Amino acid sequence: MPIPSNIKREHIFQAMLKIKKDGTPTLREAKKWALEYENELYPCKLLISLGNLYANGSELNPNPRNFQTYMAQNYLENLGFKIVHI
């Protein structure tokens, strides 16, 4: 399953706010790459999963069969975000 194309920057910002409020679940933490925004790091796949919650009403399953980390990184870069190696 590809990442839905209607996930926009505004949905990613909403996902960032949710992560700031609720934290990152241990199994969803960034391992090698993260989105950096205002000196904070966010896991790329979690941002996409939560971004889908705001765009389409449900969290996107992070199973690699649905989408992989590199896909999330590319999608976020195409939205104008900075991805960094951690």
PDB file of N, CA and C in Angstrom:
ATOM      1  N   MET A   1       0.844  -1.176   0.000  1.00  0.00           N
ATOM      2  CA  MET A   1       0.000   0.000   0.000  1.00  0.00           C
ATOM      3  C   MET A   1       0.887   1.235   0.000  1.00  0.00           C
ATOM      4  N   PRO A   2       0.722   2.106  -0.970  1.00  0.00           N
ATOM      5  CA  PRO A   2       1.509   3.341  -0.973  1.00  0.00           C
ATOM      6  C   PRO A   2       0.999   4.315   0.087  1.00  0.00           C
ATOM      7  N   ILE A   3       1.811   5.275   0.388  1.00  0.00           N
ATOM      8  CA  ILE A   3       1.413   6.329   1.319  1.00  0.00           C
ATOM      9  C   ILE A   3       0.352   7.176   0.622  1.00  0.00           C
ATOM     10  N   PRO A   4      -0.782   7.411   1.270  1.00  0.00           N
ATOM     11  CA  PRO A   4      -1.833   8.221   0.639  1.00  0.00           C
ATOM     12  C   PRO A   4      -1.321   9.616   0.273  1.00  0.00           C
ATOM     13  N   SER A   5      -1.606  10.033  -0.927  1.00  0.00           N
ATOM     14  CA  SER A   5      -1.080  11.298  -1.434  1.00  0.00           C
ATOM     15  C   SER A   5      -1.756  12.523  -0.834  1.00  0.00           C
ATOM     16  N   ASN A   6      -2.836  12.327  -0.074  1.00  0.00           N
ATOM     17  CA  ASN A   6      -3.505  13.486   0.504  1.00  0.00           C
ATOM     18  C   ASN A   6      -2.968  13.856   1.888  1.00  0.00           C
ATOM     19  N   ILE A   7      -1.900  13.181   2.340  1.00  0.00           N
ATOM     20  CA  ILE A   7      -1.240  13.595   3.584  1.00  0.00           C
ATOM     21  C   ILE A   7      -0.379  14.812   3.254  1.00  0.00           C
ATOM     22  N   LYS A   8      -0.710  15.931   3.884  1.00  0.00           N
ATOM     23  CA  LYS A   8      -0.050  17.211   3.600  1.00  0.00           C
ATOM     24  C   LYS A   8       0.778  17.663   4.798  1.00  0.00           C
ATOM     25  N   ARG A   9       1.518  18.749   4.614  1.00  0.00           N
ATOM     26  CA  ARG A   9       2.352  19.301   5.691  1.00  0.00           C
ATOM     27  C   ARG A   9       1.542  19.556   6.954  1.00  0.00           C
ATOM     28  N   GLU A  10       0.347  20.081   6.789  1.00  0.00           N
ATOM     29  CA  GLU A  10      -0.484  20.396   7.956  1.00  0.00           C
ATOM     30  C   GLU A  10      -0.777  19.145   8.780  1.00  0.00           C
ATOM     31  N   HIS A  11      -0.942  17.998   8.115  1.00  0.00           N
ATOM     32  CA  HIS A  11      -1.196  16.743   8.827  1.00  0.00           C
ATOM     33  C   HIS A  11       0.058  16.285   9.579  1.00  0.00           C
ATOM     34  N   ILE A  12       1.205  16.532   8.976  1.00  0.00           N
ATOM     35  CA  ILE A  12       2.464  16.169   9.635  1.00  0.00           C
ATOM     36  C   ILE A  12       2.687  17.062  10.854  1.00  0.00           C
ATOM     37  N   PHE A  13       2.345  18.343  10.748  1.00  0.00           N
ATOM     38  CA  PHE A  13       2.457  19.231  11.913  1.00  0.00           C
ATOM     39  C   PHE A  13       1.518  18.770  13.034  1.00  0.00           C
ATOM     40  N   GLN A  14       0.328  18.328  12.676  1.00  0.00           N
ATOM     41  CA  GLN A  14      -0.598  17.807  13.682  1.00  0.00           C
ATOM     42  C   GLN A  14      -0.007  16.559  14.346  1.00  0.00           C
ATOM     43  N   ALA A  15       0.631  15.711  13.537  1.00  0.00           N
ATOM     44  CA  ALA A  15       1.273  14.505  14.067  1.00  0.00           C
ATOM     45  C   ALA A  15       2.403  14.873  15.025  1.00  0.00           C
ATOM     46  N   MET A  16       3.168  15.909  14.688  1.00  0.00           N
ATOM     47  CA  MET A  16       4.240  16.369  15.576  1.00  0.00           C
ATOM     48  C   MET A  16       3.678  16.795  16.929  1.00  0.00           C
ATOM     49  N   LEU A  17       2.575  17.520  16.904  1.00  0.00           N
ATOM     50  CA  LEU A  17       1.950  17.966  18.152  1.00  0.00           C
ATOM     51  C   LEU A  17       1.492  16.780  18.990  1.00  0.00           C
ATOM     52  N   LYS A  18       0.947  15.770  18.340  1.00  0.00           N
ATOM     53  CA  LYS A  18       0.509  14.564  19.057  1.00  0.00           C
ATOM     54  C   LYS A  18       1.701  13.865  19.693  1.00  0.00           C
ATOM     55  N   ILE A  19       2.807  13.761  18.972  1.00  0.00           N
ATOM     56  CA  ILE A  19       4.008  13.125  19.508  1.00  0.00           C
ATOM     57  C   ILE A  19       4.551  13.935  20.682  1.00  0.00           C
ATOM     58  N   LYS A  20       4.555  15.259  20.554  1.00  0.00           N
ATOM     59  CA  LYS A  20       5.019  16.102  21.665  1.00  0.00           C
ATOM     60  C   LYS A  20       4.150  15.893  22.898  1.00  0.00           C
ATOM     61  N   LYS A  21       2.852  15.745  22.697  1.00  0.00           N
ATOM     62  CA  LYS A  21       1.918  15.594  23.812  1.00  0.00           C
ATOM     63  C   LYS A  21       1.990  14.200  24.429  1.00  0.00           C
ATOM     64  N   ASP A  22       1.970  13.162  23.578  1.00  0.00           N
ATOM     65  CA  ASP A  22       1.845  11.779  24.041  1.00  0.00           C
ATOM     66  C   ASP A  22       3.168  11.014  24.110  1.00  0.00           C
ATOM     67  N   GLY A  23       4.212  11.558  23.465  1.00  0.00           N
ATOM     68  CA  GLY A  23       5.486  10.845  23.404  1.00  0.00           C
ATOM     69  C   GLY A  23       5.508   9.832  22.264  1.00  0.00           C
ATOM     70  N   THR A  24       6.651   9.202  22.102  1.00  0.00           N
ATOM     71  CA  THR A  24       6.846   8.191  21.056  1.00  0.00           C
ATOM     72  C   THR A  24       6.848   6.813  21.696  1.00  0.00           C
ATOM     73  N   PRO A  25       5.973   5.916  21.237  1.00  0.00           N
ATOM     74  CA  PRO A  25       6.017   4.549  21.760  1.00  0.00           C
ATOM     75  C   PRO A  25       7.401   3.931  21.501  1.00  0.00           C
ATOM     76  N   THR A  26       7.891   3.161  22.448  1.00  0.00           N
ATOM     77  CA  THR A  26       9.235   2.591  22.363  1.00  0.00           C
ATOM     78  C   THR A  26       9.487   1.878  21.037  1.00  0.00           C
ATOM     79  N   LEU A  27       8.549   1.082  20.579  1.00  0.00           N
ATOM     80  CA  LEU A  27       8.746   0.326  19.342  1.00  0.00           C
ATOM     81  C   LEU A  27       8.638   1.182  18.089  1.00  0.00           C
ATOM     82  N   ARG A  28       8.266   2.437  18.235  1.00  0.00           N
ATOM     83  CA  ARG A  28       8.092   3.322  17.076  1.00  0.00           C
ATOM     84  C   ARG A  28       9.181   4.390  17.002  1.00  0.00           C
ATOM     85  N   GLU A  29      10.188   4.309  17.878  1.00  0.00           N
ATOM     86  CA  GLU A  29      11.262   5.294  17.886  1.00  0.00           C
ATOM     87  C   GLU A  29      12.108   5.200  16.614  1.00  0.00           C
ATOM     88  N   ALA A  30      12.667   6.324  16.211  1.00  0.00           N
ATOM     89  CA  ALA A  30      13.562   6.358  15.053  1.00  0.00           C
ATOM     90  C   ALA A  30      14.833   5.581  15.373  1.00  0.00           C
ATOM     91  N   LYS A  31      15.308   4.818  14.409  1.00  0.00           N
ATOM     92  CA  LYS A  31      16.512   4.020  14.618  1.00  0.00           C
ATOM     93  C   LYS A  31      17.734   4.625  13.937  1.00  0.00           C
ATOM     94  N   LYS A  32      17.603   5.063  12.694  1.00  0.00           N
ATOM     95  CA  LYS A  32      18.736   5.626  11.958  1.00  0.00           C
ATOM     96  C   LYS A  32      18.449   7.001  11.368  1.00  0.00           C
ATOM     97  N   TRP A  33      17.212   7.252  11.014  1.00  0.00           N
ATOM     98  CA  TRP A  33      16.843   8.488  10.340  1.00  0.00           C
ATOM     99  C   TRP A  33      15.641   9.105  11.033  1.00  0.00           C
ATOM    100  N   ALA A  34      15.600  10.432  11.066  1.00  0.00           N
ATOM    101  CA  ALA A  34      14.483  11.130  11.694  1.00  0.00           C
ATOM    102  C   ALA A  34      14.243  12.456  10.984  1.00  0.00           C
ATOM    103  N   LEU A  35      13.050  12.964  11.152  1.00  0.00           N
ATOM    104  CA  LEU A  35      12.738  14.301  10.678  1.00  0.00           C
ATOM    105  C   LEU A  35      13.175  15.280  11.758  1.00  0.00           C
ATOM    106  N   GLU A  36      13.916  16.303  11.358  1.00  0.00           N
ATOM    107  CA  GLU A  36      14.346  17.334  12.302  1.00  0.00           C
ATOM    108  C   GLU A  36      13.551  18.597  12.030  1.00  0.00           C
ATOM    109  N   TYR A  37      12.907  19.098  13.090  1.00  0.00           N
ATOM    110  CA  TYR A  37      12.142  20.330  12.967  1.00  0.00           C
ATOM    111  C   TYR A  37      12.251  21.093  14.284  1.00  0.00           C
ATOM    112  N   GLU A  38      12.718  22.332  14.203  1.00  0.00           N
ATOM    113  CA  GLU A  38      12.909  23.185  15.369  1.00  0.00           C
ATOM    114  C   GLU A  38      13.665  22.467  16.493  1.00  0.00           C
ATOM    115  N   ASN A  39      14.787  21.858  16.112  1.00  0.00           N
ATOM    116  CA  ASN A  39      15.692  21.165  17.039  1.00  0.00           C
ATOM    117  C   ASN A  39      15.073  19.956  17.734  1.00  0.00           C
ATOM    118  N   GLU A  40      13.997  19.439  17.186  1.00  0.00           N
ATOM    119  CA  GLU A  40      13.359  18.219  17.702  1.00  0.00           C
ATOM    120  C   GLU A  40      13.456  17.156  16.624  1.00  0.00           C
ATOM    121  N   LEU A  41      13.568  15.891  17.047  1.00  0.00           N
ATOM    122  CA  LEU A  41      13.618  14.770  16.121  1.00  0.00           C
ATOM    123  C   LEU A  41      12.326  13.964  16.228  1.00  0.00           C
ATOM    124  N   TYR A  42      11.817  13.553  15.083  1.00  0.00           N
ATOM    125  CA  TYR A  42      10.577  12.782  15.016  1.00  0.00           C
ATOM    126  C   TYR A  42      10.776  11.563  14.114  1.00  0.00           C
ATOM    127  N   PRO A  43      10.235  10.408  14.497  1.00  0.00           N
ATOM    128  CA  PRO A  43      10.343   9.212  13.662  1.00  0.00           C
ATOM    129  C   PRO A  43       9.508   9.372  12.381  1.00  0.00           C
ATOM    130  N   CYS A  44      10.122   9.135  11.261  1.00  0.00           N
ATOM    131  CA  CYS A  44       9.474   9.340   9.964  1.00  0.00           C
ATOM    132  C   CYS A  44       8.220   8.474   9.785  1.00  0.00           C
ATOM    133  N   LYS A  45       8.337   7.191  10.075  1.00  0.00           N
ATOM    134  CA  LYS A  45       7.187   6.306   9.876  1.00  0.00           C
ATOM    135  C   LYS A  45       6.033   6.662  10.806  1.00  0.00           C
ATOM    136  N   LEU A  46       6.336   7.049  12.022  1.00  0.00           N
ATOM    137  CA  LEU A  46       5.285   7.431  12.958  1.00  0.00           C
ATOM    138  C   LEU A  46       4.587   8.703  12.475  1.00  0.00           C
ATOM    139  N   LEU A  47       5.335   9.650  11.953  1.00  0.00           N
ATOM    140  CA  LEU A  47       4.727  10.873  11.426  1.00  0.00           C
ATOM    141  C   LEU A  47       3.769  10.563  10.287  1.00  0.00           C
ATOM    142  N   ILE A  48       4.161   9.671   9.398  1.00  0.00           N
ATOM    143  CA  ILE A  48       3.287   9.311   8.285  1.00  0.00           C
ATOM    144  C   ILE A  48       2.050   8.584   8.805  1.00  0.00           C
ATOM    145  N   SER A  49       2.249   7.649   9.720  1.00  0.00           N
ATOM    146  CA  SER A  49       1.114   6.910  10.289  1.00  0.00           C
ATOM    147  C   SER A  49       0.117   7.858  10.943  1.00  0.00           C
ATOM    148  N   LEU A  50       0.624   8.774  11.759  1.00  0.00           N
ATOM    149  CA  LEU A  50      -0.254   9.727  12.428  1.00  0.00           C
ATOM    150  C   LEU A  50      -0.788  10.783  11.464  1.00  0.00           C
ATOM    151  N   GLY A  51       0.002  11.155  10.494  1.00  0.00           N
ATOM    152  CA  GLY A  51      -0.471  12.093   9.473  1.00  0.00           C
ATOM    153  C   GLY A  51      -1.699  11.549   8.762  1.00  0.00           C
ATOM    154  N   ASN A  52      -1.706  10.244   8.548  1.00  0.00           N
ATOM    155  CA  ASN A  52      -2.861   9.615   7.909  1.00  0.00           C
ATOM    156  C   ASN A  52      -4.094   9.682   8.809  1.00  0.00           C
ATOM    157  N   LEU A  53      -3.873   9.631  10.115  1.00  0.00           N
ATOM    158  CA  LEU A  53      -4.976   9.784  11.070  1.00  0.00           C
ATOM    159  C   LEU A  53      -5.692  11.110  10.834  1.00  0.00           C
ATOM    160  N   TYR A  54      -4.933  12.168  10.646  1.00  0.00           N
ATOM    161  CA  TYR A  54      -5.527  13.492  10.450  1.00  0.00           C
ATOM    162  C   TYR A  54      -6.038  13.699   9.024  1.00  0.00           C
ATOM    163  N   ALA A  55      -5.438  13.046   8.062  1.00  0.00           N
ATOM    164  CA  ALA A  55      -5.880  13.203   6.676  1.00  0.00           C
ATOM    165  C   ALA A  55      -7.055  12.286   6.327  1.00  0.00           C
ATOM    166  N   ASN A  56      -7.059  11.078   6.908  1.00  0.00           N
ATOM    167  CA  ASN A  56      -8.022  10.067   6.467  1.00  0.00           C
ATOM    168  C   ASN A  56      -8.788   9.373   7.587  1.00  0.00           C
ATOM    169  N   GLY A  57      -8.530   9.751   8.833  1.00  0.00           N
ATOM    170  CA  GLY A  57      -9.328   9.238   9.931  1.00  0.00           C
ATOM    171  C   GLY A  57      -8.834   7.995  10.631  1.00  0.00           C
ATOM    172  N   SER A  58      -7.722   7.422  10.175  1.00  0.00           N
ATOM    173  CA  SER A  58      -7.174   6.251  10.865  1.00  0.00           C
ATOM    174  C   SER A  58      -5.659   6.250  10.746  1.00  0.00           C
ATOM    175  N   GLU A  59      -5.010   5.723  11.782  1.00  0.00           N
ATOM    176  CA  GLU A  59      -3.560   5.631  11.769  1.00  0.00           C
ATOM    177  C   GLU A  59      -3.143   4.593  10.731  1.00  0.00           C
ATOM    178  N   LEU A  60      -2.149   4.903   9.939  1.00  0.00           N
ATOM    179  CA  LEU A  60      -1.652   3.992   8.917  1.00  0.00           C
ATOM    180  C   LEU A  60      -0.800   2.916   9.571  1.00  0.00           C
ATOM    181  N   ASN A  61      -1.097   1.671   9.287  1.00  0.00           N
ATOM    182  CA  ASN A  61      -0.352   0.544   9.845  1.00  0.00           C
ATOM    183  C   ASN A  61       1.101   0.628   9.379  1.00  0.00           C
ATOM    184  N   PRO A  62       2.071   0.593  10.312  1.00  0.00           N
ATOM    185  CA  PRO A  62       3.478   0.736   9.937  1.00  0.00           C
ATOM    186  C   PRO A  62       4.123  -0.547   9.415  1.00  0.00           C
ATOM    187  N   ASN A  63       3.348  -1.596   9.264  1.00  0.00           N
ATOM    188  CA  ASN A  63       3.880  -2.856   8.761  1.00  0.00           C
ATOM    189  C   ASN A  63       4.653  -2.599   7.468  1.00  0.00           C
ATOM    190  N   PRO A  64       5.857  -3.187   7.329  1.00  0.00           N
ATOM    191  CA  PRO A  64       6.658  -2.966   6.113  1.00  0.00           C
ATOM    192  C   PRO A  64       5.933  -3.337   4.817  1.00  0.00           C
ATOM    193  N   ARG A  65       4.914  -4.160   4.900  1.00  0.00           N
ATOM    194  CA  ARG A  65       4.145  -4.479   3.685  1.00  0.00           C
ATOM    195  C   ARG A  65       3.341  -3.268   3.219  1.00  0.00           C
ATOM    196  N   ASN A  66       3.018  -2.371   4.158  1.00  0.00           N
ATOM    197  CA  ASN A  66       2.258  -1.174   3.807  1.00  0.00           C
ATOM    198  C   ASN A  66       3.167  -0.072   3.276  1.00  0.00           C
ATOM    199  N   PHE A  67       4.206   0.244   4.043  1.00  0.00           N
ATOM    200  CA  PHE A  67       5.194   1.218   3.586  1.00  0.00           C
ATOM    201  C   PHE A  67       6.454   1.058   4.427  1.00  0.00           C
ATOM    202  N   GLN A  68       7.583   1.407   3.812  1.00  0.00           N
ATOM    203  CA  GLN A  68       8.866   1.248   4.477  1.00  0.00           C
ATOM    204  C   GLN A  68       9.444   2.616   4.847  1.00  0.00           C
ATOM    205  N   THR A  69      10.448   2.586   5.709  1.00  0.00           N
ATOM    206  CA  THR A  69      11.024   3.829   6.223  1.00  0.00           C
ATOM    207  C   THR A  69      11.495   4.742   5.100  1.00  0.00           C
ATOM    208  N   TYR A  70      12.164   4.190   4.097  1.00  0.00           N
ATOM    209  CA  TYR A  70      12.681   5.046   3.023  1.00  0.00           C
ATOM    210  C   TYR A  70      11.535   5.745   2.297  1.00  0.00           C
ATOM    211  N   MET A  71      10.381   5.092   2.205  1.00  0.00           N
ATOM    212  CA  MET A  71       9.221   5.718   1.562  1.00  0.00           C
ATOM    213  C   MET A  71       8.735   6.910   2.390  1.00  0.00           C
ATOM    214  N   ALA A  72       8.699   6.724   3.709  1.00  0.00           N
ATOM    215  CA  ALA A  72       8.297   7.809   4.604  1.00  0.00           C
ATOM    216  C   ALA A  72       9.287   8.968   4.504  1.00  0.00           C
ATOM    217  N   GLN A  73      10.578   8.655   4.476  1.00  0.00           N
ATOM    218  CA  GLN A  73      11.604   9.698   4.363  1.00  0.00           C
ATOM    219  C   GLN A  73      11.425  10.497   3.079  1.00  0.00           C
ATOM    220  N   ASN A  74      11.267   9.799   1.974  1.00  0.00           N
ATOM    221  CA  ASN A  74      11.100  10.469   0.679  1.00  0.00           C
ATOM    222  C   ASN A  74       9.845  11.334   0.658  1.00  0.00           C
ATOM    223  N   TYR A  75       8.768  10.797   1.201  1.00  0.00           N
ATOM    224  CA  TYR A  75       7.506  11.538   1.228  1.00  0.00           C
ATOM    225  C   TYR A  75       7.671  12.829   2.026  1.00  0.00           C
ATOM    226  N   LEU A  76       8.287  12.717   3.199  1.00  0.00           N
ATOM    227  CA  LEU A  76       8.480  13.888   4.051  1.00  0.00           C
ATOM    228  C   LEU A  76       9.430  14.901   3.410  1.00  0.00           C
ATOM    229  N   GLU A  77      10.470  14.422   2.755  1.00  0.00           N
ATOM    230  CA  GLU A  77      11.378  15.334   2.041  1.00  0.00           C
ATOM    231  C   GLU A  77      10.634  16.064   0.934  1.00  0.00           C
ATOM    232  N   ASN A  78       9.761  15.358   0.231  1.00  0.00           N
ATOM    233  CA  ASN A  78       8.978  15.982  -0.843  1.00  0.00           C
ATOM    234  C   ASN A  78       8.014  17.031  -0.300  1.00  0.00           C
ATOM    235  N   LEU A  79       7.656  16.914   0.978  1.00  0.00           N
ATOM    236  CA  LEU A  79       6.812  17.936   1.614  1.00  0.00           C
ATOM    237  C   LEU A  79       7.652  19.112   2.136  1.00  0.00           C
ATOM    238  N   GLY A  80       8.978  19.010   1.976  1.00  0.00           N
ATOM    239  CA  GLY A  80       9.854  20.105   2.358  1.00  0.00           C
ATOM    240  C   GLY A  80      10.488  19.972   3.730  1.00  0.00           C
ATOM    241  N   PHE A  81      10.393  18.799   4.350  1.00  0.00           N
ATOM    242  CA  PHE A  81      10.995  18.589   5.666  1.00  0.00           C
ATOM    243  C   PHE A  81      12.428  18.086   5.537  1.00  0.00           C
ATOM    244  N   LYS A  82      13.199  18.297   6.599  1.00  0.00           N
ATOM    245  CA  LYS A  82      14.596  17.884   6.637  1.00  0.00           C
ATOM    246  C   LYS A  82      14.700  16.527   7.348  1.00  0.00           C
ATOM    247  N   ILE A  83      15.341  15.573   6.688  1.00  0.00           N
ATOM    248  CA  ILE A  83      15.582  14.240   7.253  1.00  0.00           C
ATOM    249  C   ILE A  83      17.059  14.146   7.574  1.00  0.00           C
ATOM    250  N   VAL A  84      17.366  13.675   8.796  1.00  0.00           N
ATOM    251  CA  VAL A  84      18.759  13.587   9.247  1.00  0.00           C
ATOM    252  C   VAL A  84      19.085  12.184   9.735  1.00  0.00           C
ATOM    253  N   HIS A  85      20.363  11.829   9.598  1.00  0.00           N
ATOM    254  CA  HIS A  85      20.871  10.569  10.133  1.00  0.00           C
ATOM    255  C   HIS A  85      21.143  10.783  11.615  1.00  0.00           C
ATOM    256  N   ILE A  86      20.704   9.848  12.446  1.00  0.00           N
ATOM    257  CA  ILE A  86      20.892  10.014  13.896  1.00  0.00           C
ATOM    258  C   ILE A  86      21.848   8.967  14.457  1.00  0.00           C
TER     259      ILE A  86
END
